[in-house]
Amino acid sequence: MFSNETKVLLVVSQDMLDRARVFAGTATATLKLPVSLQIVLRALIGEGLKRRGARALLANIESQAKAVRQIRSAARQKQTERGGTRKSGRNVPAGHP
């Protein structure tokens, strides 16, 4: 479909997925064309990226980034309390620092 397509894994809440499915169903009925969840998600991402300076979009991004930071920090703290060591998580070939 696209000459430069790339696959991604997208993790969303069940509620968000359900709302996108409802949107796909509504679009299918309105347009009288089959509209998949993938089409809806691509359209939402594309339209969201057009609104670069939108305050609501930036607020949502900030909220998600802070939540991820808090979750990762809590996980590191829990691992430290258990006496575990933390791996760097980097894929570095043998013999390289």
Protein backbone atom coordinates (compact mmCIF):
# COMPACT_ATOMS: atom_id res chain seq x y z
CA MET A 1 0.00 0.00 0.00
CA PHE A 2 2.77 2.44 0.93
CA SER A 3 6.14 2.46 -0.76
CA ASN A 4 7.99 3.10 2.50
CA GLU A 5 5.91 1.28 5.09
CA THR A 6 7.26 0.18 8.45
CA LYS A 7 5.67 -2.06 11.06
CA VAL A 8 5.34 -0.91 14.67
CA LEU A 9 3.95 -2.35 17.86
CA LEU A 10 1.47 0.01 19.49
CA VAL A 11 0.36 -0.57 23.07
CA VAL A 12 -2.94 1.14 23.94
CA SER A 13 -5.53 0.73 26.66
CA GLN A 14 -8.54 -1.50 26.03
CA ASP A 15 -10.80 1.56 26.32
CA MET A 16 -8.86 3.41 23.62
CA LEU A 17 -8.96 0.36 21.36
CA ASP A 18 -12.70 -0.02 21.88
CA ARG A 19 -13.30 3.65 21.04
CA ALA A 20 -11.22 3.30 17.86
CA ARG A 21 -13.25 0.21 16.88
CA VAL A 22 -16.49 2.14 17.38
CA PHE A 23 -15.06 4.93 15.25
CA ALA A 24 -14.20 2.39 12.53
CA GLY A 25 -17.75 1.04 12.64
CA THR A 26 -19.23 4.52 12.41
CA ALA A 27 -16.92 5.39 9.51
CA THR A 28 -17.89 2.16 7.74
CA ALA A 29 -21.60 2.99 8.05
CA THR A 30 -21.12 6.63 7.05
CA LEU A 31 -18.81 6.05 4.11
CA LYS A 32 -20.39 2.75 3.03
CA LEU A 33 -16.85 1.42 2.68
CA PRO A 34 -15.01 -1.13 4.83
CA VAL A 35 -12.93 0.83 7.35
CA SER A 36 -10.47 -1.21 9.42
CA LEU A 37 -9.03 -0.41 12.81
CA GLN A 38 -5.65 0.02 11.12
CA ILE A 39 -7.05 2.69 8.80
CA VAL A 40 -8.56 4.56 11.77
CA LEU A 41 -5.33 4.44 13.78
CA ARG A 42 -3.26 5.64 10.80
CA ALA A 43 -5.67 8.52 10.24
CA LEU A 44 -5.67 9.51 13.91
CA ILE A 45 -1.87 9.49 14.06
CA GLY A 46 -1.62 11.45 10.82
CA GLU A 47 -4.13 14.08 11.91
CA GLY A 48 -2.53 14.34 15.34
CA LEU A 49 0.89 14.96 13.80
CA LYS A 50 -0.53 17.86 11.79
CA ARG A 51 -1.40 19.62 15.07
CA ARG A 52 2.17 20.12 16.24
CA GLY A 53 1.52 23.08 18.51
CA ALA A 54 -1.83 21.96 19.91
CA ARG A 55 -1.83 22.33 23.68
CA ALA A 56 -4.05 19.32 24.27
CA LEU A 57 -1.75 17.12 22.20
CA LEU A 58 1.35 18.32 24.03
CA ALA A 59 -0.38 17.90 27.40
CA ASN A 60 -1.26 14.31 26.48
CA ILE A 61 2.32 13.59 25.40
CA GLU A 62 3.67 15.12 28.62
CA SER A 63 1.28 13.07 30.75
CA GLN A 64 2.28 9.82 29.04
CA ALA A 65 6.00 10.61 29.25
CA LYS A 66 5.73 11.36 32.98
CA ALA A 67 3.77 8.14 33.58
CA VAL A 68 6.42 6.09 31.78
CA ARG A 69 9.18 7.80 33.78
CA GLN A 70 7.37 7.07 37.04
CA ILE A 71 6.79 3.41 36.15
CA ARG A 72 10.43 2.89 35.15
CA SER A 73 11.70 4.67 38.25
CA ALA A 74 9.53 2.52 40.50
CA ALA A 75 10.74 -0.64 38.75
CA ARG A 76 14.39 0.39 39.18
CA GLN A 77 13.82 1.20 42.84
CA LYS A 78 12.10 -2.14 43.44
CA GLN A 79 14.96 -4.00 41.74
CA THR A 80 17.54 -2.09 43.80
CA GLU A 81 15.68 -2.91 47.02
CA ARG A 82 15.82 -6.61 46.11
CA GLY A 83 19.55 -6.35 45.58
CA GLY A 84 19.39 -7.03 41.87
CA THR A 85 21.75 -5.61 39.34
CA ARG A 86 20.54 -3.62 36.41
CA LYS A 87 21.60 -4.51 32.88
CA SER A 88 22.26 -1.69 30.48
CA GLY A 89 19.80 -3.03 27.93
CA ARG A 90 22.07 -1.94 25.08
CA ASN A 91 22.94 -4.29 22.28
CA VAL A 92 26.71 -3.86 22.12
CA PRO A 93 28.88 -6.29 20.16
CA ALA A 94 31.45 -8.27 22.13
CA GLY A 95 34.70 -6.42 22.66
CA HIS A 96 33.08 -2.97 22.64
CA PRO A 97 32.51 -0.93 25.81
